[in-house]
Amino acid sequence: MDLASFEMFNKVLGRVYEAGIILFLLFVIAGMLIYIFFLFKQKKVYEIKFSGVSDVESLYQEILVRSADEEQNIRVLSDKCNEKKQVLEKLLIDISIYNKEYSEHCHIDDLRKKYKEKKVIFDQLIEDIAIYDEDIQLAELGVYKPHFIFDTSEEYKKLFG
């Protein structure tokens, strides 16, 4: 091989090399274009597939707003419940005071009833004592009723003498 054919071969080989690089770059660009086309197609598929996601996001935001409102309502109801509970506690205290007063009133009524019963017994005893009271008044005047059954003083002397 002479130098001219070697240079020619070298030029052809350089052009083939350049053509290979160009061809490689064309394949890379074509691959990238196919990939980009595939991505656009996938984008459309995903847009169709996940079109409800935006609806879900809006529903989620709406649920957040509702839950905040419900939480506020729960706080208000809880405050009202606490107020009612305090009122009930006050009423329970009033009821216990009333029950105590009522039981004392019942106790007073019971005492009055017992007093009336005992007063009857007391009046009867006063009448019974009045009989003996007459004897005491007579004894104060010097009239003595003997308690012993002795006909004569002689019998009394014999017994105690």
C-alpha atoms as a PDB file:
ATOM      1  CA  MET A   1       0.000   0.000   0.000  1.00  0.00           C
ATOM      2  CA  ASP A   2       1.257   3.241  -0.871  1.00  0.00           C
ATOM      3  CA  LEU A   3       0.878   6.405   0.943  1.00  0.00           C
ATOM      4  CA  ALA A   4      -1.876   7.843  -1.273  1.00  0.00           C
ATOM      5  CA  SER A   5      -4.083   4.805  -0.853  1.00  0.00           C
ATOM      6  CA  PHE A   6      -3.362   4.834   2.873  1.00  0.00           C
ATOM      7  CA  GLU A   7      -4.426   8.448   3.049  1.00  0.00           C
ATOM      8  CA  MET A   8      -7.516   7.651   1.046  1.00  0.00           C
ATOM      9  CA  PHE A   9      -8.244   4.706   3.282  1.00  0.00           C
ATOM     10  CA  ASN A  10      -7.685   6.940   6.264  1.00  0.00           C
ATOM     11  CA  LYS A  11     -10.102   9.542   4.861  1.00  0.00           C
ATOM     12  CA  VAL A  12     -12.719   6.904   4.118  1.00  0.00           C
ATOM     13  CA  LEU A  13     -12.208   5.430   7.556  1.00  0.00           C
ATOM     14  CA  GLY A  14     -12.514   8.912   9.096  1.00  0.00           C
ATOM     15  CA  ARG A  15     -15.696   9.501   7.134  1.00  0.00           C
ATOM     16  CA  VAL A  16     -17.048   6.131   8.172  1.00  0.00           C
ATOM     17  CA  TYR A  17     -16.133   6.974  11.736  1.00  0.00           C
ATOM     18  CA  GLU A  18     -17.849  10.356  11.440  1.00  0.00           C
ATOM     19  CA  ALA A  19     -20.849   8.686   9.764  1.00  0.00           C
ATOM     20  CA  GLY A  20     -20.922   6.156  12.642  1.00  0.00           C
ATOM     21  CA  ILE A  21     -20.855   8.928  15.199  1.00  0.00           C
ATOM     22  CA  ILE A  22     -23.573  10.782  13.294  1.00  0.00           C
ATOM     23  CA  LEU A  23     -25.591   7.602  12.978  1.00  0.00           C
ATOM     24  CA  PHE A  24     -25.105   6.953  16.695  1.00  0.00           C
ATOM     25  CA  LEU A  25     -26.214  10.487  17.500  1.00  0.00           C
ATOM     26  CA  LEU A  26     -29.244  10.057  15.208  1.00  0.00           C
ATOM     27  CA  PHE A  27     -30.157   6.833  17.056  1.00  0.00           C
ATOM     28  CA  VAL A  28     -29.754   8.594  20.398  1.00  0.00           C
ATOM     29  CA  ILE A  29     -31.898  11.523  19.219  1.00  0.00           C
ATOM     30  CA  ALA A  30     -34.479   9.149  17.727  1.00  0.00           C
ATOM     31  CA  GLY A  31     -34.516   7.190  21.009  1.00  0.00           C
ATOM     32  CA  MET A  32     -34.965  10.374  22.936  1.00  0.00           C
ATOM     33  CA  LEU A  33     -37.790  11.467  20.633  1.00  0.00           C
ATOM     34  CA  ILE A  34     -39.476   8.065  21.026  1.00  0.00           C
ATOM     35  CA  TYR A  35     -39.037   8.317  24.804  1.00  0.00           C
ATOM     36  CA  ILE A  36     -40.502  11.847  24.808  1.00  0.00           C
ATOM     37  CA  PHE A  37     -43.438  10.611  22.679  1.00  0.00           C
ATOM     38  CA  PHE A  38     -43.906   7.716  25.110  1.00  0.00           C
ATOM     39  CA  LEU A  39     -43.842  10.144  28.046  1.00  0.00           C
ATOM     40  CA  PHE A  40     -46.503  12.338  26.410  1.00  0.00           C
ATOM     41  CA  LYS A  41     -48.633   9.259  25.800  1.00  0.00           C
ATOM     42  CA  GLN A  42     -48.145   8.145  29.413  1.00  0.00           C
ATOM     43  CA  LYS A  43     -49.013  11.658  30.534  1.00  0.00           C
ATOM     44  CA  LYS A  44     -52.371  11.405  28.774  1.00  0.00           C
ATOM     45  CA  VAL A  45     -52.945   7.948  30.294  1.00  0.00           C
ATOM     46  CA  TYR A  46     -52.079   9.262  33.750  1.00  0.00           C
ATOM     47  CA  GLU A  47     -54.256  12.347  33.257  1.00  0.00           C
ATOM     48  CA  ILE A  48     -57.191  10.082  32.444  1.00  0.00           C
ATOM     49  CA  LYS A  49     -56.303   7.618  35.195  1.00  0.00           C
ATOM     50  CA  PHE A  50     -55.758  10.244  37.899  1.00  0.00           C
ATOM     51  CA  SER A  51     -58.288  12.849  36.809  1.00  0.00           C
ATOM     52  CA  GLY A  52     -60.155  12.197  40.080  1.00  0.00           C
ATOM     53  CA  VAL A  53     -57.109  13.110  42.150  1.00  0.00           C
ATOM     54  CA  SER A  54     -57.836  16.793  41.860  1.00  0.00           C
ATOM     55  CA  ASP A  55     -61.405  16.027  42.942  1.00  0.00           C
ATOM     56  CA  VAL A  56     -60.010  14.104  45.903  1.00  0.00           C
ATOM     57  CA  GLU A  57     -57.778  17.033  46.806  1.00  0.00           C
ATOM     58  CA  SER A  58     -60.732  19.429  46.743  1.00  0.00           C
ATOM     59  CA  LEU A  59     -62.758  16.937  48.804  1.00  0.00           C
ATOM     60  CA  TYR A  60     -59.861  16.681  51.238  1.00  0.00           C
ATOM     61  CA  GLN A  61     -59.754  20.466  51.597  1.00  0.00           C
ATOM     62  CA  GLU A  62     -63.523  20.521  52.084  1.00  0.00           C
ATOM     63  CA  ILE A  63     -63.248  17.788  54.731  1.00  0.00           C
ATOM     64  CA  LEU A  64     -60.540  19.780  56.504  1.00  0.00           C
ATOM     65  CA  VAL A  65     -62.800  22.833  56.580  1.00  0.00           C
ATOM     66  CA  ARG A  66     -65.739  20.731  57.791  1.00  0.00           C
ATOM     67  CA  SER A  67     -63.636  19.049  60.462  1.00  0.00           C
ATOM     68  CA  ALA A  68     -62.474  22.459  61.707  1.00  0.00           C
ATOM     69  CA  ASP A  69     -66.114  23.571  61.856  1.00  0.00           C
ATOM     70  CA  GLU A  70     -67.119  20.363  63.621  1.00  0.00           C
ATOM     71  CA  GLU A  71     -64.251  20.770  66.069  1.00  0.00           C
ATOM     72  CA  GLN A  72     -65.488  24.283  66.844  1.00  0.00           C
ATOM     73  CA  ASN A  73     -69.030  22.941  67.267  1.00  0.00           C
ATOM     74  CA  ILE A  74     -67.708  20.256  69.599  1.00  0.00           C
ATOM     75  CA  ARG A  75     -65.929  22.888  71.683  1.00  0.00           C
ATOM     76  CA  VAL A  76     -69.115  24.965  71.896  1.00  0.00           C
ATOM     77  CA  LEU A  77     -71.162  21.902  72.842  1.00  0.00           C
ATOM     78  CA  SER A  78     -68.542  20.884  75.384  1.00  0.00           C
ATOM     79  CA  ASP A  79     -68.678  24.349  76.957  1.00  0.00           C
ATOM     80  CA  LYS A  80     -72.476  24.178  77.087  1.00  0.00           C
ATOM     81  CA  CYS A  81     -72.266  20.705  78.588  1.00  0.00           C
ATOM     82  CA  ASN A  82     -69.885  21.957  81.271  1.00  0.00           C
ATOM     83  CA  GLU A  83     -72.249  24.838  82.050  1.00  0.00           C
ATOM     84  CA  LYS A  84     -75.170  22.401  82.360  1.00  0.00           C
ATOM     85  CA  LYS A  85     -73.043  20.168  84.549  1.00  0.00           C
ATOM     86  CA  GLN A  86     -72.309  23.073  86.892  1.00  0.00           C
ATOM     87  CA  VAL A  87     -76.017  23.921  87.049  1.00  0.00           C
ATOM     88  CA  LEU A  88     -76.790  20.262  87.826  1.00  0.00           C
ATOM     89  CA  GLU A  89     -74.168  20.213  90.564  1.00  0.00           C
ATOM     90  CA  LYS A  90     -75.742  23.326  92.116  1.00  0.00           C
ATOM     91  CA  LEU A  91     -79.164  21.674  91.873  1.00  0.00           C
ATOM     92  CA  LEU A  92     -77.821  18.528  93.532  1.00  0.00           C
ATOM     93  CA  ILE A  93     -76.479  20.630  96.391  1.00  0.00           C
ATOM     94  CA  ASP A  94     -79.869  22.367  96.700  1.00  0.00           C
ATOM     95  CA  ILE A  95     -81.638  18.989  96.639  1.00  0.00           C
ATOM     96  CA  SER A  96     -79.371  17.598  99.348  1.00  0.00           C
ATOM     97  CA  ILE A  97     -80.083  20.692 101.489  1.00  0.00           C
ATOM     98  CA  TYR A  98     -83.806  20.275 100.856  1.00  0.00           C
ATOM     99  CA  ASN A  99     -83.605  16.572 101.748  1.00  0.00           C
ATOM    100  CA  LYS A 100     -81.808  17.439 104.970  1.00  0.00           C
ATOM    101  CA  GLU A 101     -84.421  20.066 105.856  1.00  0.00           C
ATOM    102  CA  TYR A 102     -87.204  17.638 104.961  1.00  0.00           C
ATOM    103  CA  SER A 103     -85.705  14.884 107.088  1.00  0.00           C
ATOM    104  CA  GLU A 104     -85.387  17.376 109.973  1.00  0.00           C
ATOM    105  CA  HIS A 105     -88.997  18.417 109.413  1.00  0.00           C
ATOM    106  CA  CYS A 106     -90.046  14.747 109.408  1.00  0.00           C
ATOM    107  CA  HIS A 107     -88.009  14.255 112.566  1.00  0.00           C
ATOM    108  CA  ILE A 108     -89.808  17.222 114.170  1.00  0.00           C
ATOM    109  CA  ASP A 109     -93.172  15.784 113.133  1.00  0.00           C
ATOM    110  CA  ASP A 110     -92.131  12.417 114.557  1.00  0.00           C
ATOM    111  CA  LEU A 111     -91.081  14.107 117.817  1.00  0.00           C
ATOM    112  CA  ARG A 112     -94.432  15.923 118.004  1.00  0.00           C
ATOM    113  CA  LYS A 113     -96.277  12.632 117.530  1.00  0.00           C
ATOM    114  CA  LYS A 114     -94.189  10.939 120.221  1.00  0.00           C
ATOM    115  CA  TYR A 115     -94.734  13.961 122.503  1.00  0.00           C
ATOM    116  CA  LYS A 116     -98.501  13.636 122.141  1.00  0.00           C
ATOM    117  CA  GLU A 117     -98.296   9.917 123.005  1.00  0.00           C
ATOM    118  CA  LYS A 118     -96.068  10.549 126.021  1.00  0.00           C
ATOM    119  CA  LYS A 119     -98.224  13.510 127.102  1.00  0.00           C
ATOM    120  CA  VAL A 120    -101.211  11.174 127.391  1.00  0.00           C
ATOM    121  CA  ILE A 121     -99.143   8.797 129.561  1.00  0.00           C
ATOM    122  CA  PHE A 122     -97.851  11.739 131.595  1.00  0.00           C
ATOM    123  CA  ASP A 123    -101.366  13.082 132.217  1.00  0.00           C
ATOM    124  CA  GLN A 124    -102.481   9.607 133.319  1.00  0.00           C
ATOM    125  CA  LEU A 125     -99.530   9.392 135.696  1.00  0.00           C
ATOM    126  CA  ILE A 126    -100.373  12.868 137.082  1.00  0.00           C
ATOM    127  CA  GLU A 127    -103.888  11.636 137.809  1.00  0.00           C
ATOM    128  CA  ASP A 128    -102.487   8.507 139.506  1.00  0.00           C
ATOM    129  CA  ILE A 129    -100.073  10.594 141.539  1.00  0.00           C
ATOM    130  CA  ALA A 130    -102.890  12.916 142.577  1.00  0.00           C
ATOM    131  CA  ILE A 131    -104.340  10.032 144.584  1.00  0.00           C
ATOM    132  CA  TYR A 132    -101.114   9.688 146.495  1.00  0.00           C
ATOM    133  CA  ASP A 133    -100.734  13.428 146.658  1.00  0.00           C
ATOM    134  CA  GLU A 134    -103.878  13.581 148.740  1.00  0.00           C
ATOM    135  CA  ASP A 135    -102.316  11.089 151.155  1.00  0.00           C
ATOM    136  CA  ILE A 136     -99.196  13.250 151.326  1.00  0.00           C
ATOM    137  CA  GLN A 137    -101.247  16.352 152.067  1.00  0.00           C
ATOM    138  CA  LEU A 138    -103.075  14.482 154.784  1.00  0.00           C
ATOM    139  CA  ALA A 139     -99.750  13.338 156.239  1.00  0.00           C
ATOM    140  CA  GLU A 140     -98.558  16.936 156.249  1.00  0.00           C
ATOM    141  CA  LEU A 141    -101.570  17.825 158.292  1.00  0.00           C
ATOM    142  CA  GLY A 142    -100.688  15.071 160.748  1.00  0.00           C
ATOM    143  CA  VAL A 143    -103.190  12.500 159.625  1.00  0.00           C
ATOM    144  CA  TYR A 144    -101.407   9.197 159.259  1.00  0.00           C
ATOM    145  CA  LYS A 145    -102.634   6.171 157.442  1.00  0.00           C
ATOM    146  CA  PRO A 146    -100.914   3.096 158.782  1.00  0.00           C
ATOM    147  CA  HIS A 147     -99.050   0.897 156.317  1.00  0.00           C
ATOM    148  CA  PHE A 148     -98.887  -2.120 158.578  1.00  0.00           C
ATOM    149  CA  ILE A 149    -101.702  -4.443 159.394  1.00  0.00           C
ATOM    150  CA  PHE A 150    -101.465  -4.531 163.172  1.00  0.00           C
ATOM    151  CA  ASP A 151    -104.598  -4.451 165.192  1.00  0.00           C
ATOM    152  CA  THR A 152    -102.843  -3.403 168.359  1.00  0.00           C
ATOM    153  CA  SER A 153     -99.594  -1.815 169.359  1.00  0.00           C
ATOM    154  CA  GLU A 154     -98.779  -4.932 171.332  1.00  0.00           C
ATOM    155  CA  GLU A 155     -98.423  -6.930 168.125  1.00  0.00           C
ATOM    156  CA  TYR A 156     -96.117  -4.240 166.756  1.00  0.00           C
ATOM    157  CA  LYS A 157     -93.916  -4.393 169.899  1.00  0.00           C
ATOM    158  CA  LYS A 158     -93.675  -8.134 169.651  1.00  0.00           C
ATOM    159  CA  LEU A 159     -92.566  -7.987 166.006  1.00  0.00           C
ATOM    160  CA  PHE A 160     -89.947  -5.240 166.385  1.00  0.00           C
ATOM    161  CA  GLY A 161     -89.439  -5.247 170.071  1.00  0.00           C
END
